[in-house]
Amino acid sequence: MATTKSAKIEAEIEKVKAKIAEQQTKLKELEQRKVEAENSEIVDIVRGMSIPLAELPLVLQQLRAGKTLGQNVPKSEEVAAE
């Protein structure tokens, strides 16, 4: 018995849906791996700074507030104004 056009199209639709589901799973896995890699990089940076754990929140607050960490380098705006 010959397969109808609509049956062929339906079969193709199912194949595409399966591929989409597979790619969505792969995308979620890649996004998770990216987050894990970023977290690892952040941990490496923080460990490289040799900051005691108790002082880390204060340092992060200072960074967020735009304060320098013992550097006396003027901001680029200040240099341009001179």
N, C-alpha and C. Protein backbone atom coordinates (compact mmCIF):
# COMPACT_ATOMS: atom_id res chain seq x y z
N MET A 1 0.84 -1.18 0.00
CA MET A 1 0.00 0.00 0.00
C MET A 1 0.89 1.25 0.00
N ALA A 2 0.58 2.17 -0.84
CA ALA A 2 1.36 3.39 -0.98
C ALA A 2 1.10 4.32 0.19
N THR A 3 2.15 5.00 0.59
CA THR A 3 2.04 5.97 1.68
C THR A 3 1.52 7.29 1.10
N THR A 4 0.59 7.88 1.80
CA THR A 4 0.02 9.14 1.32
C THR A 4 0.98 10.29 1.61
N LYS A 5 0.77 11.39 0.89
CA LYS A 5 1.60 12.57 1.11
C LYS A 5 1.50 13.06 2.55
N SER A 6 0.30 13.08 3.07
CA SER A 6 0.12 13.57 4.44
C SER A 6 0.82 12.67 5.44
N ALA A 7 0.85 11.37 5.19
CA ALA A 7 1.54 10.44 6.09
C ALA A 7 3.04 10.68 6.05
N LYS A 8 3.56 10.94 4.84
CA LYS A 8 4.99 11.23 4.71
C LYS A 8 5.35 12.53 5.45
N ILE A 9 4.49 13.52 5.27
CA ILE A 9 4.72 14.80 5.95
C ILE A 9 4.66 14.61 7.46
N GLU A 10 3.70 13.84 7.92
CA GLU A 10 3.56 13.57 9.36
C GLU A 10 4.81 12.87 9.90
N ALA A 11 5.34 11.92 9.13
CA ALA A 11 6.55 11.22 9.55
C ALA A 11 7.73 12.19 9.63
N GLU A 12 7.82 13.09 8.66
CA GLU A 12 8.88 14.09 8.67
C GLU A 12 8.74 15.03 9.86
N ILE A 13 7.52 15.42 10.17
CA ILE A 13 7.25 16.27 11.34
C ILE A 13 7.74 15.59 12.61
N GLU A 14 7.45 14.32 12.75
CA GLU A 14 7.88 13.58 13.95
C GLU A 14 9.40 13.50 14.04
N LYS A 15 10.06 13.32 12.89
CA LYS A 15 11.53 13.29 12.88
C LYS A 15 12.10 14.63 13.35
N VAL A 16 11.52 15.71 12.82
CA VAL A 16 12.00 17.04 13.18
C VAL A 16 11.76 17.32 14.66
N LYS A 17 10.60 16.92 15.17
CA LYS A 17 10.31 17.11 16.59
C LYS A 17 11.31 16.36 17.46
N ALA A 18 11.67 15.16 17.04
CA ALA A 18 12.64 14.37 17.79
C ALA A 18 14.00 15.06 17.78
N LYS A 19 14.39 15.60 16.62
CA LYS A 19 15.68 16.30 16.52
C LYS A 19 15.67 17.56 17.38
N ILE A 20 14.55 18.28 17.38
CA ILE A 20 14.43 19.49 18.19
C ILE A 20 14.58 19.14 19.67
N ALA A 21 13.91 18.10 20.11
CA ALA A 21 13.99 17.69 21.52
C ALA A 21 15.43 17.32 21.88
N GLU A 22 16.10 16.63 20.97
CA GLU A 22 17.49 16.25 21.20
C GLU A 22 18.38 17.49 21.31
N GLN A 23 18.17 18.45 20.43
CA GLN A 23 18.97 19.67 20.45
C GLN A 23 18.67 20.52 21.68
N GLN A 24 17.42 20.53 22.13
CA GLN A 24 17.08 21.27 23.35
C GLN A 24 17.79 20.67 24.56
N THR A 25 17.85 19.35 24.60
CA THR A 25 18.57 18.67 25.68
C THR A 25 20.05 19.03 25.63
N LYS A 26 20.60 18.99 24.42
CA LYS A 26 22.02 19.33 24.26
C LYS A 26 22.27 20.78 24.67
N LEU A 27 21.37 21.69 24.31
CA LEU A 27 21.50 23.10 24.67
C LEU A 27 21.50 23.28 26.19
N LYS A 28 20.59 22.61 26.88
CA LYS A 28 20.54 22.70 28.34
C LYS A 28 21.83 22.20 28.96
N GLU A 29 22.37 21.10 28.43
CA GLU A 29 23.62 20.56 28.95
C GLU A 29 24.77 21.54 28.72
N LEU A 30 24.82 22.14 27.54
CA LEU A 30 25.88 23.11 27.24
C LEU A 30 25.77 24.35 28.12
N GLU A 31 24.55 24.82 28.34
CA GLU A 31 24.36 25.98 29.22
C GLU A 31 24.81 25.66 30.63
N GLN A 32 24.52 24.46 31.11
CA GLN A 32 24.95 24.05 32.45
C GLN A 32 26.47 23.98 32.52
N ARG A 33 27.10 23.41 31.49
CA ARG A 33 28.56 23.32 31.46
C ARG A 33 29.19 24.72 31.45
N LYS A 34 28.56 25.66 30.74
CA LYS A 34 29.06 27.03 30.69
C LYS A 34 29.01 27.67 32.08
N VAL A 35 27.90 27.50 32.78
CA VAL A 35 27.77 28.05 34.14
C VAL A 35 28.82 27.44 35.05
N GLU A 36 29.03 26.14 34.95
CA GLU A 36 30.03 25.48 35.79
C GLU A 36 31.43 26.00 35.47
N ALA A 37 31.73 26.21 34.18
CA ALA A 37 33.04 26.74 33.80
C ALA A 37 33.23 28.16 34.32
N GLU A 38 32.19 28.99 34.20
CA GLU A 38 32.27 30.35 34.72
C GLU A 38 32.48 30.35 36.23
N ASN A 39 31.76 29.50 36.93
CA ASN A 39 31.92 29.41 38.38
C ASN A 39 33.34 28.99 38.74
N SER A 40 33.87 28.04 38.00
CA SER A 40 35.24 27.59 38.26
C SER A 40 36.24 28.71 38.02
N GLU A 41 36.02 29.49 36.96
CA GLU A 41 36.91 30.62 36.67
C GLU A 41 36.84 31.66 37.79
N ILE A 42 35.65 31.92 38.29
CA ILE A 42 35.48 32.89 39.37
C ILE A 42 36.21 32.41 40.62
N VAL A 43 36.06 31.15 40.94
CA VAL A 43 36.73 30.58 42.11
C VAL A 43 38.24 30.69 41.95
N ASP A 44 38.75 30.39 40.76
CA ASP A 44 40.19 30.49 40.52
C ASP A 44 40.69 31.93 40.70
N ILE A 45 39.91 32.88 40.20
CA ILE A 45 40.30 34.29 40.33
C ILE A 45 40.34 34.70 41.80
N VAL A 46 39.30 34.34 42.54
CA VAL A 46 39.21 34.71 43.95
C VAL A 46 40.33 34.05 44.74
N ARG A 47 40.59 32.79 44.46
CA ARG A 47 41.68 32.11 45.17
C ARG A 47 43.02 32.74 44.84
N GLY A 48 43.18 33.19 43.62
CA GLY A 48 44.43 33.82 43.20
C GLY A 48 44.67 35.16 43.87
N MET A 49 43.61 35.76 44.40
CA MET A 49 43.74 37.05 45.06
C MET A 49 44.24 36.91 46.50
N SER A 50 44.27 35.73 47.02
CA SER A 50 44.75 35.45 48.39
C SER A 50 44.04 36.32 49.42
N ILE A 51 42.74 36.44 49.29
CA ILE A 51 41.95 37.21 50.24
C ILE A 51 41.34 36.24 51.24
N PRO A 52 41.48 36.50 52.54
CA PRO A 52 40.84 35.63 53.53
C PRO A 52 39.33 35.60 53.32
N LEU A 53 38.74 34.46 53.54
CA LEU A 53 37.31 34.27 53.31
C LEU A 53 36.48 35.29 54.08
N ALA A 54 36.90 35.62 55.29
CA ALA A 54 36.15 36.58 56.11
C ALA A 54 36.14 37.98 55.48
N GLU A 55 37.17 38.32 54.71
CA GLU A 55 37.27 39.65 54.09
C GLU A 55 36.63 39.71 52.71
N LEU A 56 36.33 38.59 52.13
CA LEU A 56 35.81 38.56 50.76
C LEU A 56 34.53 39.38 50.57
N PRO A 57 33.54 39.28 51.47
CA PRO A 57 32.33 40.11 51.27
C PRO A 57 32.64 41.61 51.24
N LEU A 58 33.55 42.06 52.10
CA LEU A 58 33.92 43.48 52.13
C LEU A 58 34.59 43.89 50.82
N VAL A 59 35.48 43.07 50.33
CA VAL A 59 36.17 43.37 49.08
C VAL A 59 35.17 43.45 47.93
N LEU A 60 34.23 42.53 47.90
CA LEU A 60 33.22 42.54 46.83
C LEU A 60 32.33 43.77 46.94
N GLN A 61 31.99 44.18 48.15
CA GLN A 61 31.19 45.39 48.34
C GLN A 61 31.96 46.62 47.84
N GLN A 62 33.25 46.67 48.13
CA GLN A 62 34.06 47.79 47.68
C GLN A 62 34.14 47.83 46.16
N LEU A 63 34.29 46.67 45.56
CA LEU A 63 34.31 46.61 44.09
C LEU A 63 32.99 47.09 43.51
N ARG A 64 31.91 46.65 44.11
CA ARG A 64 30.58 47.03 43.63
C ARG A 64 30.37 48.54 43.77
N ALA A 65 30.93 49.12 44.84
CA ALA A 65 30.78 50.56 45.09
C ALA A 65 31.74 51.38 44.23
N GLY A 66 32.63 50.72 43.52
CA GLY A 66 33.56 51.43 42.65
C GLY A 66 34.80 51.93 43.35
N LYS A 67 35.02 51.48 44.56
CA LYS A 67 36.21 51.90 45.30
C LYS A 67 37.40 51.09 44.81
N THR A 68 38.59 51.69 44.89
CA THR A 68 39.79 50.98 44.49
C THR A 68 40.32 50.16 45.65
N LEU A 69 41.15 49.22 45.33
CA LEU A 69 41.74 48.36 46.35
C LEU A 69 43.21 48.72 46.53
N GLY A 70 43.45 49.91 47.10
CA GLY A 70 44.82 50.32 47.36
C GLY A 70 45.54 50.84 46.14
N GLN A 71 44.85 51.07 45.06
CA GLN A 71 45.48 51.60 43.86
C GLN A 71 45.23 53.10 43.81
N ASN A 72 46.26 53.87 43.51
CA ASN A 72 46.13 55.32 43.43
C ASN A 72 46.16 55.78 41.98
N VAL A 73 45.52 55.03 41.12
CA VAL A 73 45.49 55.36 39.70
C VAL A 73 44.20 56.12 39.43
N PRO A 74 44.28 57.31 38.84
CA PRO A 74 43.05 58.07 38.57
C PRO A 74 42.21 57.36 37.51
N LYS A 75 40.92 57.57 37.60
CA LYS A 75 40.02 57.00 36.61
C LYS A 75 40.29 57.66 35.28
N SER A 76 39.95 56.99 34.20
CA SER A 76 40.24 57.50 32.86
C SER A 76 39.59 58.86 32.62
N GLU A 77 38.43 59.13 33.22
CA GLU A 77 37.77 60.42 33.07
C GLU A 77 38.61 61.54 33.68
N GLU A 78 39.23 61.25 34.83
CA GLU A 78 40.05 62.25 35.50
C GLU A 78 41.29 62.56 34.68
N VAL A 79 41.87 61.57 34.05
CA VAL A 79 43.07 61.76 33.23
C VAL A 79 42.71 62.58 32.00
N ALA A 80 41.58 62.31 31.40
CA ALA A 80 41.16 63.04 30.20
C ALA A 80 40.87 64.50 30.51
N ALA A 81 40.41 64.81 31.70
CA ALA A 81 40.06 66.18 32.08
C ALA A 81 41.30 67.05 32.26
N GLU A 82 42.44 66.45 32.54
CA GLU A 82 43.66 67.21 32.80
C GLU A 82 44.28 67.77 31.58
